[in-house]
Protein backbone atom coordinates (compact mmCIF):
# COMPACT_ATOMS: atom_id res chain seq x y z
CA LEU A 1 13.02 -19.95 8.76
CA ALA A 2 14.74 -18.74 11.94
CA GLU A 3 18.05 -18.54 10.12
CA ALA A 4 16.79 -16.56 7.09
CA THR A 5 18.56 -13.15 6.81
CA GLU A 6 15.61 -11.51 4.62
CA ASP A 7 12.06 -10.65 5.47
CA PHE A 8 10.54 -12.75 2.88
CA VAL A 9 10.75 -16.42 1.55
CA TRP A 10 8.82 -17.86 -1.39
CA ALA A 11 7.06 -20.99 -2.31
CA PHE A 12 6.08 -22.35 -5.73
CA LYS A 13 2.42 -23.57 -5.99
CA PRO A 14 2.35 -24.73 -2.36
CA GLY A 15 -0.33 -27.39 -1.75
CA ILE A 16 -2.18 -27.63 1.50
CA SER A 17 0.45 -29.67 3.23
CA LEU A 18 3.26 -27.21 2.68
CA LEU A 19 0.90 -24.39 3.54
CA ARG A 20 -0.01 -25.95 6.96
CA ALA A 21 3.67 -26.62 7.58
CA LEU A 22 4.58 -22.93 6.82
CA TRP A 23 1.61 -21.63 9.04
CA LEU A 24 2.82 -23.90 11.79
CA ASN A 25 6.17 -22.45 11.56
CA ALA A 26 4.99 -18.88 11.90
CA CYS A 27 5.24 -18.10 8.25
CA PHE A 28 2.02 -16.80 6.67
CA THR A 29 1.31 -17.02 2.92
CA LEU A 30 0.36 -14.42 0.46
CA PRO A 31 -0.65 -16.05 -2.82
CA SER A 32 -1.44 -14.39 -6.05
CA ASP A 33 -4.04 -15.30 -8.72
CA ARG A 34 -1.65 -13.97 -11.29
CA SER A 35 1.61 -15.92 -10.39
CA PRO A 36 2.49 -19.47 -9.30
CA ILE A 37 4.82 -17.87 -6.53
CA THR A 38 3.48 -17.43 -3.06
CA THR A 39 5.28 -14.72 -0.96
CA CYS A 40 5.81 -15.76 2.64
CA PRO A 41 6.51 -12.83 5.07
CA ASN A 42 9.30 -13.96 7.60
CA PRO A 43 10.18 -10.71 9.25
CA VAL A 44 13.72 -10.35 10.59
CA ASN A 45 12.08 -8.24 13.39
CA ARG A 46 8.43 -9.22 14.37
CA TYR A 47 6.16 -6.93 15.99
CA CYS A 48 4.28 -8.67 18.84
CA LEU A 49 2.22 -7.73 21.85
CA ASP A 50 3.47 -9.39 25.03
CA LEU A 51 0.32 -10.48 26.69
CA THR A 52 2.12 -10.98 29.95
CA LYS A 53 2.84 -7.23 30.20
CA SER A 54 -0.38 -5.70 29.08
CA THR A 55 -3.12 -4.89 31.49
CA HIS A 56 -5.20 -2.09 30.02
CA TRP A 57 -7.17 -3.65 27.43
CA LEU A 58 -10.74 -2.68 28.47
CA ARG A 59 -9.76 0.85 29.95
CA GLY A 60 -9.89 2.84 26.72
CA LYS A 61 -12.62 5.39 26.31
CA LYS A 62 -14.08 3.87 23.16
CA VAL A 63 -14.44 0.36 24.70
CA ARG A 64 -16.05 1.89 27.83
CA ARG A 65 -18.46 4.13 25.93
CA HIS A 66 -19.56 1.84 23.17
CA LYS A 67 -18.97 -1.77 24.18
CA ASN A 68 -22.71 -2.15 24.98
CA ASP A 69 -23.39 -1.67 21.28
CA PHE A 70 -21.69 -4.95 20.18
CA GLU A 71 -21.44 -8.65 20.53
CA LEU A 72 -18.57 -10.94 19.52
CA THR A 73 -18.56 -14.46 17.93
CA VAL A 74 -15.82 -16.78 16.79
CA ASN A 75 -16.27 -18.76 13.56
CA LYS A 76 -19.94 -17.73 13.16
CA ASP A 77 -19.34 -17.96 9.29
CA PHE A 78 -15.49 -18.25 8.71
CA ARG A 79 -15.77 -18.42 4.88
CA ALA A 80 -18.24 -15.44 4.55
CA THR A 81 -16.13 -13.33 6.93
CA PHE A 82 -13.00 -14.02 5.04
CA LEU A 83 -14.63 -13.31 1.82
CA LYS A 84 -16.00 -10.11 3.11
CA CYS A 85 -12.51 -9.09 4.20
CA ARG A 86 -11.28 -9.95 0.60
CA ASP A 87 -14.04 -7.54 -0.83
CA LEU A 88 -13.00 -4.78 1.28
CA HIS A 89 -9.31 -5.17 0.37
CA ASP A 90 -10.41 -5.14 -3.28
CA ASP A 91 -12.52 -2.04 -2.93
CA ARG A 92 -9.43 -0.28 -1.50
CA GLY A 93 -7.15 -1.50 -4.08
CA SER A 94 -5.05 -3.40 -1.44
CA GLY A 95 -4.56 -6.35 -3.82
CA CYS A 96 -6.14 -9.76 -3.90
CA TRP A 97 -3.88 -12.17 -1.88
CA ILE A 98 -7.14 -13.64 -0.43
CA THR A 99 -7.64 -16.21 -3.14
CA PRO A 100 -10.30 -18.95 -3.13
CA GLU A 101 -7.59 -21.60 -2.72
CA LEU A 102 -6.27 -19.73 0.34
CA VAL A 103 -9.82 -19.60 1.80
CA ASP A 104 -10.29 -23.29 1.21
CA ALA A 105 -6.96 -24.24 2.70
CA LEU A 106 -7.46 -22.29 5.87
CA ASP A 107 -11.02 -23.34 6.29
CA SER A 108 -9.99 -27.01 5.82
CA CYS A 109 -7.41 -26.56 8.59
CA ARG A 110 -9.91 -24.89 10.70
CA GLN A 111 -11.99 -28.05 10.61
CA GLU A 112 -9.17 -30.41 11.39
CA PRO A 113 -8.01 -31.27 14.90
CA GLY A 114 -4.45 -30.49 15.66
CA ALA A 115 -1.88 -27.93 16.60
CA LEU A 116 -3.12 -25.17 14.27
CA LYS A 117 -6.28 -23.43 15.41
CA VAL A 118 -7.84 -21.30 12.77
CA CYS A 119 -10.50 -18.77 13.54
CA ALA A 120 -12.42 -15.69 12.51
CA VAL A 121 -13.21 -13.27 15.35
CA GLU A 122 -16.26 -11.27 14.41
CA LEU A 123 -17.80 -8.13 15.99
CA TRP A 124 -21.45 -7.41 15.33
CA ASP A 125 -23.50 -4.33 15.68
CA LYS A 126 -26.40 -5.39 17.91
CA ALA A 127 -28.76 -2.68 16.67
CA SER A 128 -28.30 -3.37 12.86
CA GLY A 129 -27.09 -6.92 12.97
CA LYS A 130 -24.28 -5.77 10.68
CA LEU A 131 -20.76 -7.28 10.80
CA ALA A 132 -18.75 -4.29 12.12
CA ALA A 133 -15.28 -5.67 12.14
CA ALA A 134 -13.18 -8.91 11.96
CA VAL A 135 -9.82 -10.40 12.87
CA MET A 136 -8.80 -13.43 10.83
CA SER A 137 -6.24 -15.42 12.77
CA PHE A 138 -4.67 -18.72 13.72
CA SER A 139 -2.89 -19.78 16.86
CA VAL A 140 -0.25 -22.39 17.92
CA GLY A 141 -0.01 -23.15 21.51
CA ASP A 142 -0.06 -20.00 23.67
CA ILE A 143 0.72 -17.70 20.64
CA PHE A 144 -1.97 -16.04 18.58
CA HIS A 145 -1.30 -14.67 15.05
CA ASP A 146 -3.66 -12.57 13.00
CA TYR A 147 -3.18 -12.44 9.30
CA THR A 148 -5.70 -9.83 8.30
CA THR A 149 -8.14 -7.42 10.04
CA ALA A 150 -11.05 -5.42 8.57
CA THR A 151 -13.41 -2.73 9.67
CA PHE A 152 -16.72 -2.75 7.91
CA VAL A 153 -18.60 -0.25 9.89
CA ARG A 154 -16.74 3.08 10.23
CA ASP A 155 -18.09 5.58 12.55
CA SER A 156 -17.11 7.56 15.60
CA ARG A 157 -17.28 4.46 17.79
CA SER A 158 -14.23 2.87 16.09
CA PRO A 159 -15.48 -0.67 16.00
CA GLY A 160 -12.16 -1.93 14.73
CA ALA A 161 -10.28 -0.53 17.71
CA ILE A 162 -12.81 -1.74 20.10
CA LEU A 163 -12.46 -5.41 18.61
CA SER A 164 -8.75 -5.23 19.00
CA LYS A 165 -9.03 -4.20 22.62
CA VAL A 166 -11.65 -6.77 23.60
CA LEU A 167 -9.71 -9.53 21.69
CA GLY A 168 -6.63 -8.75 23.71
CA HIS A 169 -8.61 -9.05 26.92
CA LEU A 170 -9.99 -12.39 25.75
CA LEU A 171 -6.67 -13.75 24.73
CA ILE A 172 -5.30 -13.13 28.18
CA GLU A 173 -8.33 -14.90 29.67
CA CYS A 174 -7.56 -18.02 27.51
CA GLY A 175 -3.88 -18.09 28.61
CA PHE A 176 -2.17 -16.74 25.50
CA THR A 177 1.08 -15.10 26.13
CA LEU A 178 2.08 -13.43 22.79
CA TRP A 179 0.02 -11.93 19.93
CA TYR A 180 2.00 -11.69 16.75
CA TRP A 181 1.04 -8.94 14.30
CA GLY A 182 3.86 -9.13 11.67
CA PHE A 183 5.71 -6.11 10.35
CA LYS A 184 5.46 -3.13 12.50
CA ASN A 185 3.42 -0.24 10.88
CA PRO A 186 3.32 3.39 12.25
CA TYR A 187 -0.16 3.02 13.74
CA MET A 188 0.89 0.26 15.91
CA ALA A 189 3.10 2.74 17.93
CA GLU A 190 -0.03 3.43 20.33
CA TYR A 191 0.17 -0.26 21.42
CA ASP A 192 3.81 0.08 22.57
CA ALA A 193 3.42 1.63 25.94
CA SER A 194 0.28 0.17 27.40
CA TYR A 195 -0.27 -3.06 25.53
CA GLY A 196 3.21 -4.82 25.47
CA GLY A 197 4.13 -3.82 22.03
CA VAL A 198 7.68 -5.10 21.24
CA LEU A 199 9.77 -5.85 18.31
CA LEU A 200 11.38 -9.29 18.60
CA ASP A 201 14.46 -10.35 16.84
CA ASN A 202 13.28 -13.45 14.63
CA LYS A 203 16.11 -15.80 15.38
CA ASP A 204 17.12 -14.96 18.95
CA GLU A 205 13.72 -13.89 20.57
CA PHE A 206 10.67 -14.81 18.46
CA TRP A 207 11.74 -18.41 17.43
CA PRO A 208 12.54 -19.67 20.90
CA ARG A 209 9.07 -18.48 21.97
CA TRP A 210 7.31 -20.02 18.88
CA LYS A 211 9.14 -23.31 19.49
CA ALA A 212 8.11 -23.41 23.07
CA ALA A 213 4.61 -22.70 21.98
CA MET A 214 4.63 -25.65 19.58
CA GLY A 215 5.52 -27.72 22.40
CA ARG A 216 2.49 -26.63 24.32
CA CYS A 217 0.00 -27.55 21.67
CA SER A 218 -1.67 -30.25 23.86
CA GLU A 219 -2.60 -27.57 26.35
CA LYS A 220 -5.88 -25.61 25.90
CA PHE A 221 -5.33 -22.21 24.50
CA ASP A 222 -8.50 -22.00 22.47
CA LEU A 223 -10.55 -18.82 21.76
CA ALA A 224 -13.38 -20.98 20.00
CA ALA A 225 -13.73 -22.92 23.19
CA ARG A 226 -14.15 -19.63 25.18
CA ILE A 227 -16.91 -18.46 22.69
CA PRO A 228 -18.15 -21.63 21.07
CA PRO A 229 -19.79 -21.62 17.55
CA GLY A 230 -23.58 -20.76 17.87
CA THR A 231 -23.00 -18.44 20.86
CA ALA A 232 -22.13 -14.74 21.18
CA LEU A 233 -20.47 -12.80 23.80
CA ASP A 234 -22.30 -9.61 24.62
CA LEU A 235 -19.65 -7.04 25.21
CA ALA A 236 -21.93 -5.39 27.76
CA SER A 237 -20.99 -8.41 30.09
CA LEU A 238 -17.29 -7.38 30.24
């Protein structure tokens, strides 16, 4: 995968063993319920946030003004949160790569011990009890990789942005050094200056760091241990 010269590779009807192997090798999977071919993004240039260089996560105006409105959980209800993300993508015509088989496979990996740590990071509006935003993700060693995000409550507080900033802060607390986002989109430019945003060449820069992370899987880099299931982090405490 490090030697690939194009931004995508493909798999034919991958089972859970191949899916797990792809995820462990920094290659997410985008299945289709209309095709046996699964598309696997493998960007030649990968956009990441270098968490060793970013220090401004909780300084933003939105975070300071509105953090008291929210609490955060990890894996409160992984399947329900992932399916809610799927419904939001469907409503916006964004396609339906979140298939039942993908949900099952990731949820199965979430429940297994091992190098791949799968989690749903959920932001809740304390007043209404509604799920305001979510980040679906997995990690390998000290690298964190989100594969979809969703904002369900859209208002002037910008819950999705608040979740991103608070999550960055928590990842640093947990010892993560890199947050992999995938292809760079225009909206990500705001993260370049203050949050360590950088494009890494897949072969020469990203893969050496990912391989090093695979060698550190025995160490504790675990967001779910920071906020165990059944507990919630009140953002007012940050």
